[in-house]
Amino acid sequence: MSAARLLFATHVAPYPEGPAGVHGVLPQASIAMAELALRRGLEPVITDDVAVLSPQTLAEGGVLALFTIGVTPWSAQQRDAMVDAVRAGRLAVLGVHSATDSCHDWPEYPRLVGARFDGHPWTTTVELDVDTGHPATAHLPPRWRWHDEVYLFRELRADLRVLIRVADDQLDMTVPEARAPAHGFPLAWCFEEGAARCFYSALGHFAHAWEQPVYLRHLDGALGWLLEGLGFGGREPADPAG
């Protein structure tokens, strides 16, 4: 890997039809992601404007973490650099919460984050089924109770390894716009695109997530897994709960 950096973008851009909501946790998320980067021996580059991330910066590689929403204004040159770096194994992608509700004008984008957002009829506390055999979920119980927005997705990649999904019969299907996709209700997954690893977690809408070590360990485990795929283990961090 040519650059030991975490590039974290929190760009808020309008949807095609109008303004996108601004997540109030973005400042917390920025501090938390910088902390996780430093603990892993990475240089954090935090920005709310993707124009800061030049094609050259993206091409050099590292981990690109996205907490974006709306039609993120990546240039054609940035997009090409991003895709090329991912497929060459220089750039890994870590999508957080609304990252799937982004880049609606970029057909190839779901290849980088795994799916497209397709609504969130529910904000609720649910029991989640967890695949505990991954660094991002090894600290969680097989059945985990959590409060968050529950996203629906479309254009879901067929090769995902789903790590967290809503357990059966947890959702009120009488609420407006509720529906049950054939792929169910996945909320976190991992996959490979070309020679690089990619990870996405839909969790993290509320401030309580960014204040809890259990959620930060989820992202830290994902970050470690991504770095391993890049051939950069980073400094082994202390337990965030310690």
Protein backbone atom coordinates (compact mmCIF):
# COMPACT_ATOMS: atom_id res chain seq x y z
CA MET A 1 0.00 0.00 0.00
CA SER A 2 1.47 3.32 -1.04
CA ALA A 3 -0.20 5.60 1.51
CA ALA A 4 -1.15 4.85 5.11
CA ARG A 5 -4.12 7.20 5.23
CA LEU A 6 -7.78 7.15 6.14
CA LEU A 7 -9.72 9.51 3.87
CA PHE A 8 -13.06 10.26 5.56
CA ALA A 9 -15.65 12.21 3.55
CA THR A 10 -18.85 13.56 5.13
CA HIS A 11 -20.09 15.55 2.14
CA VAL A 12 -23.78 16.54 2.27
CA ALA A 13 -25.21 17.24 -1.19
CA PRO A 14 -28.76 17.68 -2.50
CA TYR A 15 -30.77 14.83 -3.96
CA PRO A 16 -31.88 15.23 -7.59
CA GLU A 17 -35.29 16.35 -6.32
CA GLY A 18 -34.15 18.63 -3.50
CA PRO A 19 -32.16 19.01 -0.28
CA ALA A 20 -30.79 16.04 1.64
CA GLY A 21 -31.01 15.87 5.41
CA VAL A 22 -27.91 16.73 7.39
CA HIS A 23 -26.95 14.10 9.96
CA GLY A 24 -26.30 15.74 13.30
CA VAL A 25 -23.69 13.11 14.21
CA LEU A 26 -21.22 14.09 11.48
CA PRO A 27 -18.90 16.02 13.85
CA GLN A 28 -18.93 13.07 16.29
CA ALA A 29 -18.30 10.64 13.46
CA SER A 30 -15.35 12.71 12.25
CA ILE A 31 -13.72 12.71 15.67
CA ALA A 32 -14.36 8.99 16.12
CA MET A 33 -13.00 8.02 12.72
CA ALA A 34 -9.89 10.14 13.26
CA GLU A 35 -9.37 8.37 16.59
CA LEU A 36 -9.74 4.94 15.00
CA ALA A 37 -7.34 5.89 12.21
CA LEU A 38 -4.67 7.11 14.61
CA ARG A 39 -4.98 4.00 16.75
CA ARG A 40 -4.35 1.93 13.62
CA GLY A 41 -1.30 3.99 12.69
CA LEU A 42 -3.05 5.83 9.85
CA GLU A 43 -3.01 9.50 8.97
CA PRO A 44 -6.62 10.76 9.10
CA VAL A 45 -7.77 13.12 6.36
CA ILE A 46 -11.24 14.38 7.33
CA THR A 47 -13.27 16.50 4.94
CA ASP A 48 -16.84 17.60 4.28
CA ASP A 49 -15.95 18.54 0.69
CA VAL A 50 -14.90 15.76 -1.67
CA ALA A 51 -13.13 18.30 -3.90
CA VAL A 52 -10.31 18.13 -1.33
CA LEU A 53 -9.64 14.52 -2.33
CA SER A 54 -7.82 14.92 -5.64
CA PRO A 55 -7.66 12.10 -8.20
CA GLN A 56 -3.99 11.72 -7.26
CA THR A 57 -4.84 11.37 -3.56
CA LEU A 58 -7.43 8.71 -4.34
CA ALA A 59 -5.09 6.92 -6.74
CA GLU A 60 -2.38 6.70 -4.07
CA GLY A 61 -4.67 4.56 -1.96
CA GLY A 62 -5.45 3.89 1.67
CA VAL A 63 -8.94 3.53 3.12
CA LEU A 64 -11.74 5.70 1.76
CA ALA A 65 -14.43 6.03 4.43
CA LEU A 66 -17.73 7.54 3.34
CA PHE A 67 -20.53 9.07 5.43
CA THR A 68 -22.00 10.91 2.44
CA ILE A 69 -25.54 11.63 1.29
CA GLY A 70 -27.18 13.01 -1.83
CA VAL A 71 -25.58 13.42 -5.25
CA THR A 72 -21.98 13.59 -4.06
CA PRO A 73 -20.12 15.75 -6.61
CA TRP A 74 -17.22 13.46 -7.42
CA SER A 75 -15.68 14.51 -10.72
CA ALA A 76 -15.25 12.03 -13.56
CA GLN A 77 -11.51 12.03 -12.84
CA GLN A 78 -12.08 11.29 -9.14
CA ARG A 79 -14.49 8.47 -9.97
CA ASP A 80 -12.05 6.88 -12.40
CA ALA A 81 -9.19 7.18 -9.91
CA MET A 82 -11.32 5.68 -7.14
CA VAL A 83 -12.51 2.70 -9.17
CA ASP A 84 -9.06 2.02 -10.61
CA ALA A 85 -7.42 2.18 -7.17
CA VAL A 86 -10.01 -0.15 -5.65
CA ARG A 87 -9.77 -2.72 -8.40
CA ALA A 88 -5.97 -2.57 -8.29
CA GLY A 89 -6.00 -3.25 -4.55
CA ARG A 90 -4.62 0.12 -3.42
CA LEU A 91 -7.84 1.62 -2.01
CA ALA A 92 -10.34 -0.04 0.34
CA VAL A 93 -13.82 1.36 0.98
CA LEU A 94 -15.60 1.72 4.33
CA GLY A 95 -19.21 2.88 3.92
CA VAL A 96 -21.00 4.26 6.98
CA HIS A 97 -24.76 4.66 7.38
CA SER A 98 -26.01 6.98 4.59
CA ALA A 99 -23.16 6.17 2.20
CA THR A 100 -25.59 3.97 0.25
CA ASP A 101 -27.91 7.00 -0.10
CA SER A 102 -25.30 8.81 -2.16
CA CYS A 103 -24.03 9.19 -5.74
CA HIS A 104 -27.44 8.62 -7.31
CA ASP A 105 -26.06 9.77 -10.65
CA TRP A 106 -23.21 7.21 -10.66
CA PRO A 107 -24.33 3.79 -11.99
CA GLU A 108 -21.18 2.00 -10.84
CA TYR A 109 -21.31 3.29 -7.27
CA PRO A 110 -23.13 0.25 -5.76
CA ARG A 111 -20.12 -1.84 -6.81
CA LEU A 112 -18.13 0.09 -4.17
CA VAL A 113 -20.60 0.10 -1.27
CA GLY A 114 -22.65 -3.01 -2.03
CA ALA A 115 -26.14 -1.64 -2.66
CA ARG A 116 -28.31 1.44 -2.97
CA PHE A 117 -30.50 2.84 -0.21
CA ASP A 118 -34.20 2.25 -0.86
CA GLY A 119 -35.94 3.87 2.10
CA HIS A 120 -36.12 3.50 5.87
CA PRO A 121 -39.70 2.89 7.00
CA TRP A 122 -38.58 2.00 10.51
CA THR A 123 -36.74 3.72 13.33
CA THR A 124 -36.89 1.21 16.11
CA THR A 125 -35.16 -1.14 18.53
CA VAL A 126 -34.67 -4.57 16.98
CA GLU A 127 -32.99 -7.88 17.57
CA LEU A 128 -30.21 -8.42 15.02
CA ASP A 129 -28.75 -11.71 13.85
CA VAL A 130 -24.95 -11.44 13.80
CA ASP A 131 -22.30 -13.46 11.96
CA THR A 132 -19.64 -13.32 14.67
CA GLY A 133 -16.91 -14.81 12.49
CA HIS A 134 -15.59 -11.47 11.22
CA PRO A 135 -13.35 -8.89 12.94
CA ALA A 136 -16.13 -6.29 12.76
CA THR A 137 -18.59 -8.49 14.61
CA ALA A 138 -16.47 -10.88 16.70
CA HIS A 139 -17.17 -8.85 19.87
CA LEU A 140 -20.95 -8.96 19.39
CA PRO A 141 -23.37 -11.64 20.60
CA PRO A 142 -25.09 -13.81 17.97
CA ARG A 143 -28.34 -11.99 18.80
CA TRP A 144 -27.80 -8.26 19.41
CA ARG A 145 -30.36 -5.68 20.46
CA TRP A 146 -29.86 -2.24 18.85
CA HIS A 147 -31.78 0.99 18.20
CA ASP A 148 -31.35 2.62 14.79
CA GLU A 149 -32.92 3.38 11.45
CA VAL A 150 -33.59 0.18 9.51
CA TYR A 151 -32.67 0.68 5.88
CA LEU A 152 -34.07 -1.06 2.84
CA PHE A 153 -31.78 -1.66 -0.14
CA ARG A 154 -31.91 -2.26 -3.87
CA GLU A 155 -29.19 -3.25 -6.34
CA LEU A 156 -27.72 -5.46 -3.64
CA ARG A 157 -24.59 -7.26 -4.81
CA ALA A 158 -25.06 -11.01 -5.07
CA ASP A 159 -21.61 -11.75 -3.61
CA LEU A 160 -22.00 -9.98 -0.27
CA ARG A 161 -21.19 -11.67 3.00
CA VAL A 162 -23.94 -10.36 5.25
CA LEU A 163 -22.67 -9.85 8.80
CA ILE A 164 -25.67 -8.22 10.51
CA ARG A 165 -29.30 -8.55 9.54
CA VAL A 166 -32.64 -7.91 11.23
CA ALA A 167 -33.94 -11.08 12.80
CA ASP A 168 -37.25 -12.50 11.63
CA ASP A 169 -40.51 -10.96 12.84
CA GLN A 170 -38.84 -7.88 14.34
CA LEU A 171 -40.36 -5.24 12.08
CA ASP A 172 -43.87 -3.80 11.98
CA MET A 173 -44.96 -4.44 8.41
CA THR A 174 -48.04 -2.21 8.78
CA VAL A 175 -46.06 1.07 8.83
CA PRO A 176 -46.15 3.21 5.67
CA GLU A 177 -43.81 2.00 2.89
CA ALA A 178 -42.93 -1.17 4.77
CA ARG A 179 -42.04 -4.09 2.52
CA ALA A 180 -39.99 -7.26 2.69
CA PRO A 181 -37.40 -7.58 -0.10
CA ALA A 182 -36.44 -11.06 -1.24
CA HIS A 183 -32.98 -10.53 0.28
CA GLY A 184 -34.45 -9.65 3.67
CA PHE A 185 -33.05 -6.91 5.89
CA PRO A 186 -29.23 -6.88 5.85
CA LEU A 187 -27.58 -3.99 7.73
CA ALA A 188 -23.84 -4.71 7.50
CA TRP A 189 -21.77 -6.64 4.97
CA CYS A 190 -18.39 -7.10 3.36
CA PHE A 191 -17.19 -8.09 -0.11
CA GLU A 192 -14.32 -7.74 -2.53
CA GLU A 193 -14.23 -5.50 -5.59
CA GLY A 194 -11.28 -6.35 -7.76
CA ALA A 195 -8.24 -6.76 -5.54
CA ALA A 196 -9.54 -4.66 -2.62
CA ARG A 197 -11.91 -5.24 0.26
CA CYS A 198 -15.04 -3.18 0.88
CA PHE A 199 -17.23 -2.94 3.98
CA TYR A 200 -20.53 -1.24 4.75
CA SER A 201 -22.58 -0.74 7.90
CA ALA A 202 -25.97 0.95 7.83
CA LEU A 203 -25.82 1.54 11.58
CA GLY A 204 -24.81 4.86 13.11
CA HIS A 205 -27.68 7.31 12.59
CA PHE A 206 -27.96 8.36 16.22
CA ALA A 207 -25.50 9.97 18.61
CA HIS A 208 -25.67 7.02 20.99
CA ALA A 209 -23.84 4.87 18.43
CA TRP A 210 -20.83 7.17 18.31
CA GLU A 211 -20.76 7.30 22.11
CA GLN A 212 -20.70 3.52 22.60
CA PRO A 213 -17.52 1.41 22.43
CA VAL A 214 -19.54 -1.53 21.08
CA TYR A 215 -20.29 0.41 17.88
CA LEU A 216 -16.80 1.87 17.59
CA ARG A 217 -15.35 -1.63 17.93
CA HIS A 218 -17.60 -2.64 15.03
CA LEU A 219 -16.03 0.02 12.81
CA ASP A 220 -12.53 -0.61 14.17
CA GLY A 221 -12.81 -4.29 13.34
CA ALA A 222 -13.95 -3.39 9.84
CA LEU A 223 -11.01 -1.02 9.48
CA GLY A 224 -8.55 -3.69 10.58
CA TRP A 225 -10.02 -6.15 8.07
CA LEU A 226 -9.73 -3.62 5.27
CA LEU A 227 -6.13 -2.85 6.16
CA GLU A 228 -5.26 -6.53 6.22
CA GLY A 229 -6.53 -6.79 2.66
CA LEU A 230 -4.28 -3.89 1.68
CA GLY A 231 -1.28 -5.60 3.21
CA PHE A 232 -1.03 -2.98 5.95
CA GLY A 233 -1.85 -4.31 9.37
CA GLY A 234 -1.25 -1.02 11.12
CA ARG A 235 -0.46 -0.74 14.80
CA GLU A 236 -2.56 -3.23 16.74
CA PRO A 237 -4.82 -1.01 18.83
CA ALA A 238 -5.74 -1.33 22.46
CA ASP A 239 -9.28 -2.40 23.25
CA PRO A 240 -11.53 0.68 22.67
CA ALA A 241 -13.62 -0.44 25.65
CA GLY A 242 -10.60 -0.45 27.93
